[in-house]
Protein backbone atom coordinates (compact mmCIF):
# COMPACT_ATOMS: atom_id res chain seq x y z
CA MET A 1 38.06 128.85 -25.99
CA LYS A 2 35.26 130.93 -24.48
CA ARG A 3 37.21 131.23 -21.27
CA PHE A 4 39.28 134.07 -22.73
CA PHE A 5 36.24 136.25 -23.27
CA LYS A 6 34.07 135.46 -20.27
CA PRO A 7 32.50 138.72 -19.01
CA VAL A 8 33.92 140.04 -15.75
CA PRO A 9 31.31 140.67 -13.00
CA LYS A 10 30.27 144.29 -12.53
CA ASP A 11 32.65 144.91 -9.66
CA GLY A 12 35.51 143.77 -11.88
CA SER A 13 36.31 140.82 -9.62
CA PRO A 14 37.00 137.38 -11.11
CA ALA A 15 34.33 134.75 -10.70
CA LYS A 16 34.41 132.71 -7.52
CA LYS A 17 36.42 129.49 -7.50
CA ARG A 18 34.58 126.62 -9.12
CA PRO A 19 34.22 123.17 -7.57
CA ALA A 20 37.24 120.93 -7.95
CA ALA A 21 35.42 118.65 -10.38
CA ALA A 22 35.04 121.52 -12.86
CA ALA A 23 38.45 123.08 -12.41
CA ASP A 24 40.14 120.96 -15.09
CA SER A 25 38.38 122.92 -17.84
CA GLY A 26 40.59 125.93 -17.08
CA ASP A 27 37.62 128.30 -17.00
CA GLY A 28 38.14 129.64 -13.48
CA PRO A 29 40.74 132.24 -12.51
CA ALA A 30 42.33 129.81 -10.09
CA ALA A 31 42.63 126.99 -12.61
CA ALA A 32 46.01 125.31 -12.75
CA GLY A 33 48.36 125.97 -15.64
CA ALA A 34 49.83 123.37 -17.96
CA GLY A 35 50.94 120.24 -16.18
CA GLY A 36 48.60 120.86 -13.22
CA GLU A 37 50.89 123.53 -11.74
CA GLU A 38 49.43 124.99 -8.56
CA SER A 39 50.38 127.90 -6.35
CA SER A 40 50.76 127.89 -2.59
CA PRO A 41 48.12 129.92 -0.71
CA CYS A 42 50.42 132.94 -0.29
CA GLU A 43 52.29 132.77 -3.59
CA GLU A 44 51.96 135.86 -5.76
CA PRO A 45 53.33 136.89 -9.17
CA ARG A 46 56.95 138.00 -9.18
CA LYS A 47 57.87 138.05 -12.88
CA PHE A 48 56.22 140.71 -15.02
CA LEU A 49 56.39 141.78 -18.66
CA THR A 50 55.05 144.94 -20.28
CA TRP A 51 54.83 145.66 -24.01
CA ASN A 52 53.21 148.22 -26.27
CA ALA A 53 52.32 145.91 -29.15
CA ASN A 54 51.34 148.69 -31.57
CA SER A 55 48.31 146.59 -32.60
CA LEU A 56 48.21 143.20 -30.91
CA LEU A 57 46.10 141.86 -33.78
CA LEU A 58 48.82 142.68 -36.32
CA ARG A 59 51.43 141.10 -34.08
CA MET A 60 49.34 137.94 -33.86
CA LYS A 61 49.12 137.80 -37.65
CA SER A 62 52.81 138.23 -38.37
CA ASP A 63 55.14 138.22 -35.35
CA TRP A 64 53.46 135.80 -32.97
CA PRO A 65 55.78 132.76 -33.31
CA ALA A 66 58.85 134.82 -32.38
CA PHE A 67 57.06 136.62 -29.56
CA SER A 68 55.66 133.32 -28.27
CA GLN A 69 59.17 131.86 -28.12
CA PHE A 70 60.36 134.92 -26.24
CA VAL A 71 57.52 134.65 -23.69
CA ALA A 72 58.16 130.92 -23.26
CA ARG A 73 61.83 131.61 -22.50
CA LEU A 74 61.10 134.45 -20.08
CA ASP A 75 58.11 132.70 -18.50
CA PRO A 76 56.50 135.78 -16.90
CA ASP A 77 53.71 135.40 -14.38
CA VAL A 78 51.91 138.46 -15.77
CA ILE A 79 52.00 140.13 -19.20
CA CYS A 80 50.70 143.69 -19.55
CA VAL A 81 49.96 144.88 -23.08
CA GLN A 82 49.15 148.35 -24.34
CA GLU A 83 47.80 149.64 -27.66
CA VAL A 84 46.01 146.40 -28.48
CA ARG A 85 43.86 148.25 -31.06
CA MET A 86 40.92 145.87 -31.07
CA PRO A 87 37.37 147.28 -30.86
CA ALA A 88 35.02 146.53 -27.98
CA ALA A 89 31.96 144.34 -28.46
CA GLY A 90 28.68 146.00 -29.34
CA SER A 91 26.82 146.68 -32.56
CA LYS A 92 26.61 150.10 -34.19
CA GLY A 93 24.67 152.54 -32.04
CA ALA A 94 24.52 150.11 -29.10
CA PRO A 95 26.42 150.36 -25.79
CA LYS A 96 29.87 148.82 -25.96
CA ASN A 97 31.38 146.19 -23.66
CA PRO A 98 35.07 147.06 -23.27
CA SER A 99 35.77 143.67 -21.65
CA GLU A 100 34.83 141.79 -24.82
CA ILE A 101 36.22 141.80 -28.36
CA LYS A 102 33.83 142.84 -31.13
CA ASP A 103 32.44 139.92 -33.16
CA ASP A 104 29.16 141.09 -34.72
CA THR A 105 30.43 141.49 -38.30
CA THR A 106 32.15 139.08 -40.66
CA SER A 107 35.46 140.93 -40.45
CA SER A 108 35.36 141.27 -36.66
CA ARG A 109 34.52 137.57 -36.26
CA ASP A 110 37.47 136.67 -38.46
CA GLU A 111 39.73 138.92 -36.40
CA LYS A 112 38.47 137.44 -33.15
CA GLN A 113 39.29 133.98 -34.49
CA VAL A 114 42.88 135.14 -35.06
CA VAL A 115 43.00 136.15 -31.41
CA LEU A 116 41.45 132.87 -30.23
CA ARG A 117 43.95 130.81 -32.20
CA ALA A 118 46.89 132.85 -30.90
CA LEU A 119 45.76 132.52 -27.30
CA SER A 120 45.05 128.79 -27.57
CA SER A 121 48.69 127.98 -28.30
CA SER A 122 51.56 127.71 -25.84
CA PRO A 123 52.52 129.55 -23.76
CA PHE A 124 49.42 131.79 -23.78
CA LYS A 125 46.97 128.97 -23.07
CA ASP A 126 48.37 128.99 -19.53
CA TYR A 127 47.10 132.54 -18.91
CA ARG A 128 43.74 134.13 -18.24
CA VAL A 129 43.17 137.39 -20.09
CA TRP A 130 41.40 140.61 -19.14
CA TRP A 131 40.65 143.26 -21.78
CA SER A 132 39.92 146.96 -21.63
CA LEU A 133 39.10 148.09 -25.15
CA SER A 134 38.21 151.26 -26.99
CA ASP A 135 35.12 151.55 -29.18
CA SER A 136 37.33 151.53 -32.27
CA LYS A 137 40.72 150.13 -33.31
CA TYR A 138 42.51 152.57 -31.05
CA ALA A 139 44.45 152.35 -27.77
CA GLY A 140 43.22 149.61 -25.41
CA THR A 141 45.04 147.42 -22.88
CA ALA A 142 45.17 143.75 -21.92
CA MET A 143 46.42 141.79 -18.91
CA PHE A 144 47.52 138.14 -19.11
CA ILE A 145 47.83 136.41 -15.72
CA LYS A 146 48.89 132.81 -15.20
CA LYS A 147 45.91 130.77 -14.14
CA LYS A 148 47.63 129.58 -10.98
CA PHE A 149 47.38 133.11 -9.53
CA GLU A 150 44.02 134.39 -8.36
CA PRO A 151 43.55 138.17 -8.19
CA LYS A 152 41.41 139.55 -5.42
CA LYS A 153 39.89 142.14 -7.73
CA VAL A 154 40.28 143.52 -11.27
CA SER A 155 39.31 147.13 -12.03
CA PHE A 156 39.38 149.21 -15.18
CA ASN A 157 39.09 152.71 -13.76
CA LEU A 158 41.45 154.76 -11.61
CA ASP A 159 38.81 155.21 -8.91
CA ARG A 160 38.73 151.38 -8.45
CA THR A 161 35.14 151.56 -7.20
CA SER A 162 33.43 151.73 -10.57
CA SER A 163 32.81 149.00 -13.12
CA LYS A 164 33.33 151.61 -15.84
CA HIS A 165 36.39 151.49 -18.04
CA GLU A 166 38.68 154.45 -18.57
CA MET A 167 38.23 156.26 -21.86
CA ASP A 168 39.91 154.32 -24.69
CA GLY A 169 40.61 151.37 -22.36
CA ARG A 170 43.77 152.87 -20.90
CA VAL A 171 43.76 151.24 -17.44
CA ILE A 172 43.68 147.78 -15.86
CA ILE A 173 44.30 147.47 -12.10
CA VAL A 174 44.73 144.06 -10.48
CA GLU A 175 44.74 143.65 -6.72
CA PHE A 176 46.68 140.83 -5.11
CA GLU A 177 47.00 140.17 -1.40
CA SER A 178 50.12 142.28 -0.85
CA PHE A 179 50.28 144.68 -3.82
CA LEU A 180 48.45 146.41 -6.65
CA LEU A 181 49.48 145.99 -10.29
CA LEU A 182 48.59 148.89 -12.57
CA ASN A 183 48.81 148.62 -16.36
CA THR A 184 48.36 151.93 -18.22
CA TYR A 185 48.62 153.32 -21.72
CA ALA A 186 49.16 157.04 -21.14
CA PRO A 187 47.79 159.45 -23.79
CA ASN A 188 50.36 161.13 -26.00
CA ASN A 189 51.01 164.77 -25.15
CA GLY A 190 50.78 165.85 -28.80
CA TRP A 191 52.32 168.94 -30.35
CA LYS A 192 49.71 171.71 -30.27
CA GLU A 193 47.81 173.43 -27.46
CA GLU A 194 44.83 174.25 -29.68
CA GLU A 195 44.22 170.56 -30.44
CA ASN A 196 43.49 169.91 -26.71
CA SER A 197 46.14 167.21 -26.50
CA PHE A 198 48.15 169.19 -23.93
CA GLN A 199 45.02 169.56 -21.81
CA ARG A 200 44.22 165.86 -22.08
CA ARG A 201 47.72 164.90 -20.92
CA ARG A 202 47.68 167.42 -18.04
CA LYS A 203 44.37 165.99 -16.86
CA TRP A 204 45.75 162.45 -17.07
CA ASP A 205 48.87 163.38 -15.08
CA LYS A 206 46.74 165.08 -12.43
CA ARG A 207 44.61 161.97 -12.02
CA MET A 208 47.68 159.73 -11.86
CA LEU A 209 49.16 161.95 -9.15
CA GLU A 210 45.96 161.65 -7.14
CA PHE A 211 45.91 157.88 -7.65
CA VAL A 212 49.48 157.18 -6.50
CA GLN A 213 48.97 159.36 -3.42
CA CYS A 214 45.99 157.37 -2.18
CA VAL A 215 46.80 153.71 -3.00
CA ASP A 216 46.36 151.47 0.02
CA LYS A 217 48.95 148.83 -0.90
CA PRO A 218 52.43 148.77 -2.42
CA LEU A 219 52.15 149.51 -6.13
CA ILE A 220 53.73 148.06 -9.26
CA TRP A 221 52.91 150.41 -12.14
CA CYS A 222 53.89 149.48 -15.68
CA GLY A 223 53.11 150.29 -19.26
CA ASP A 224 53.70 152.83 -21.98
CA LEU A 225 53.78 156.00 -19.89
CA ASN A 226 54.68 158.16 -22.90
CA VAL A 227 57.34 160.21 -21.10
CA SER A 228 61.13 160.11 -20.81
CA HIS A 229 62.06 161.43 -17.40
CA GLU A 230 65.67 162.58 -17.82
CA GLU A 231 68.14 163.28 -20.62
CA ILE A 232 69.75 159.90 -19.96
CA ASP A 233 66.44 158.34 -21.03
CA VAL A 234 66.67 159.51 -24.66
CA SER A 235 69.30 158.95 -27.32
CA HIS A 236 69.45 162.51 -28.71
CA PRO A 237 68.28 165.01 -26.06
CA ASP A 238 69.15 168.12 -28.09
CA PHE A 239 67.25 166.93 -31.14
CA LEU A 240 64.20 165.79 -29.16
CA SER A 241 63.98 168.86 -26.91
CA SER A 242 63.91 171.17 -29.96
CA ALA A 243 61.75 169.01 -32.26
CA LYS A 244 58.81 170.71 -34.00
CA LEU A 245 55.86 169.62 -36.09
CA ASN A 246 55.34 171.68 -39.25
CA GLY A 247 57.33 174.50 -37.67
CA TYR A 248 54.81 175.07 -34.86
CA THR A 249 56.16 176.42 -31.56
CA PRO A 250 53.87 176.27 -28.47
CA PRO A 251 53.49 179.57 -26.58
CA ASN A 252 54.82 178.03 -23.36
CA LYS A 253 58.46 176.99 -23.76
CA GLU A 254 57.96 174.10 -21.32
CA ASP A 255 55.56 172.54 -23.85
CA CYS A 256 58.13 172.70 -26.68
CA GLY A 257 59.80 169.64 -28.12
CA GLN A 258 59.06 166.00 -28.81
CA PRO A 259 55.90 164.74 -27.08
CA GLY A 260 57.13 162.69 -24.15
CA PHE A 261 60.22 164.83 -23.69
CA THR A 262 58.84 168.29 -23.00
CA LEU A 263 59.88 169.96 -19.76
CA ALA A 264 56.27 170.19 -18.60
CA GLU A 265 55.69 166.45 -18.93
CA ARG A 266 59.01 165.57 -17.33
CA HIS A 267 58.39 167.86 -14.36
CA ARG A 268 54.92 166.40 -13.78
CA PHE A 269 56.28 162.87 -14.05
CA GLY A 270 59.00 163.63 -11.51
CA ASN A 271 56.37 164.98 -9.13
CA ILE A 272 54.29 161.80 -9.52
CA LEU A 273 57.33 159.69 -8.64
CA SER A 274 58.18 161.86 -5.65
CA GLN A 275 54.67 162.24 -4.24
CA GLY A 276 53.83 158.60 -4.85
CA LYS A 277 57.13 157.42 -3.32
CA LEU A 278 57.84 155.39 -6.45
CA VAL A 279 61.12 153.97 -7.71
CA ASP A 280 61.99 153.65 -11.40
CA ALA A 281 63.06 149.98 -11.35
CA TYR A 282 65.18 150.12 -14.51
CA ARG A 283 67.09 153.24 -13.52
CA HIS A 284 67.49 151.91 -9.98
CA LEU A 285 69.61 149.09 -11.43
CA HIS A 286 71.06 150.76 -14.53
CA LYS A 287 72.78 154.02 -13.69
CA GLU A 288 74.60 154.63 -16.97
CA LYS A 289 73.31 155.46 -20.43
CA ASP A 290 73.15 152.43 -22.72
CA MET A 291 73.02 153.46 -26.39
CA ASP A 292 72.43 149.91 -27.60
CA SER A 293 69.62 148.56 -25.43
CA GLY A 294 68.71 151.35 -23.04
CA PHE A 295 65.60 152.61 -24.84
CA SER A 296 62.18 151.04 -25.22
CA TRP A 297 60.88 153.06 -28.21
CA SER A 298 62.65 153.64 -31.50
CA GLY A 299 61.80 156.02 -34.31
CA HIS A 300 61.12 154.90 -37.87
CA PRO A 301 64.22 153.30 -39.41
CA ILE A 302 63.86 155.62 -42.42
CA GLY A 303 63.94 159.42 -42.20
CA LYS A 304 65.03 161.98 -39.63
CA TYR A 305 63.87 159.83 -36.70
CA ARG A 306 66.19 156.96 -37.60
CA GLY A 307 68.26 156.17 -34.54
CA LYS A 308 66.23 158.53 -32.32
CA ARG A 309 65.09 156.52 -29.31
CA MET A 310 63.35 157.08 -26.00
CA ARG A 311 62.68 155.14 -22.81
CA ILE A 312 58.95 155.58 -22.31
CA ASP A 313 57.95 152.10 -21.08
CA TYR A 314 58.43 151.57 -17.36
CA PHE A 315 58.13 149.54 -14.23
CA LEU A 316 57.65 151.85 -11.26
CA VAL A 317 57.44 150.27 -7.81
CA SER A 318 56.65 151.57 -4.35
CA GLU A 319 59.69 152.17 -2.17
CA GLN A 320 58.63 149.24 0.03
CA LEU A 321 59.38 146.94 -2.92
CA LYS A 322 62.71 148.50 -3.92
CA ASP A 323 64.88 145.97 -2.11
CA ARG A 324 63.04 143.09 -3.81
CA ILE A 325 64.03 144.16 -7.35
CA ILE A 326 66.15 141.39 -8.87
CA SER A 327 66.14 142.57 -12.49
CA CYS A 328 64.49 145.06 -14.82
CA GLU A 329 65.49 144.72 -18.47
CA MET A 330 64.60 146.05 -21.89
CA HIS A 331 64.63 143.29 -24.47
CA GLY A 332 65.18 145.24 -27.69
CA ARG A 333 68.50 146.28 -29.20
CA GLY A 334 69.78 148.70 -31.79
CA ILE A 335 68.15 150.99 -34.31
CA GLU A 336 67.07 148.05 -36.50
CA LEU A 337 64.49 147.10 -33.84
CA GLU A 338 65.89 143.70 -32.93
CA GLY A 339 63.64 142.15 -30.27
CA PHE A 340 60.74 144.55 -30.92
CA TYR A 341 58.62 141.82 -32.58
CA GLY A 342 57.11 144.14 -35.19
CA SER A 343 56.23 146.97 -32.79
CA ASP A 344 58.03 150.28 -32.35
CA HIS A 345 58.32 149.38 -28.65
CA CYS A 346 60.28 146.51 -27.13
CA PRO A 347 59.15 144.37 -24.17
CA VAL A 348 60.36 145.34 -20.69
CA SER A 349 60.55 142.86 -17.81
CA LEU A 350 60.69 143.03 -14.03
CA GLU A 351 61.50 140.30 -11.54
CA LEU A 352 61.10 140.59 -7.77
CA SER A 353 62.42 138.33 -5.05
CA LYS A 354 59.96 136.49 -2.86
CA ALA A 355 58.30 138.46 -0.10
CA ALA A 356 59.24 137.68 3.50
CA THR A 357 55.83 136.03 3.98
CA GLU A 358 56.40 133.59 1.12
CA ALA A 359 58.30 130.32 1.34
CA PRO A 360 62.03 130.80 0.68
CA GLU A 361 63.59 129.78 -2.62
CA PRO A 362 64.63 126.09 -2.62
CA PRO A 363 68.40 125.64 -2.51
CA LYS A 364 70.08 124.98 -5.83
CA PRO A 365 71.74 121.58 -6.20
CA SER A 366 75.50 121.67 -5.86
CA SER A 367 77.49 120.99 -8.99
């Protein structure tokens, strides 16, 4: 079980491949999955899943069987999770290790055992896991990658040269031979300028713009990006654009409205897409508004937010990958949160066709 929590070397890269005699333990990043499944030298992940779990620990305690069945059916190569809400290792007053789950108290050890048990069962035992955790039960991200795929490098900071983790564990970047995979949990814009949340989100968007402009490989960017780009991406645009908290109205009208649907955020997001030459994979395939399953976040089933939904979880891909998009789907339906597995977000998947450098798909047998 220790393989799930093995520290990552300082450069963020996985450990080097172990000798063949030791590979059966499953400890190494290149270890085969269940049944001895192996990848060809140039094979790379093509099926991806992203999900804001709204506390992965709570999901493991109550919704894990259903989510496990869903993952087994979908069989993604990579699973990106946001808002894991598990604290980083490190005792009180000591430096924290965001790559490890806290286990220095009775309660944290018990919680870690819940995680270990969940990850030891199928289908998750076939994945290696990387964590980027906050100091407390807040934010945090995780990346599950099938053991048959070996990343070239794993980073936890947008500069990709530092072993440091982003504040609150909001970033995991995995480099493969032909592309980068970025998993992010974007900070919420908030409602009020004086609480510094607007400033925090502006700073985040500025850094994301700089990142997408300087990546050196095609990019797949997924996660809870906490923004709905266009009116088609929300269920009730008039309600959300005029929403207020306790009657407060920001001085700048472009900051007014539901966090994630203010004009300022939407404009910045559009600029990131344009400058980074990124394609919204879901909207590339789905041109029309879908009131049943076209939104990844849903408001509380009770109260004024009942039925108010937003698409804030994305797969964005570089234009070079656009023609390889086979599918991009949201797996939740309706205002009763079917397929959300206990979260207020539903899983979103992406599948790409094989790259030209990979072996072609085997022909299907004729019926």
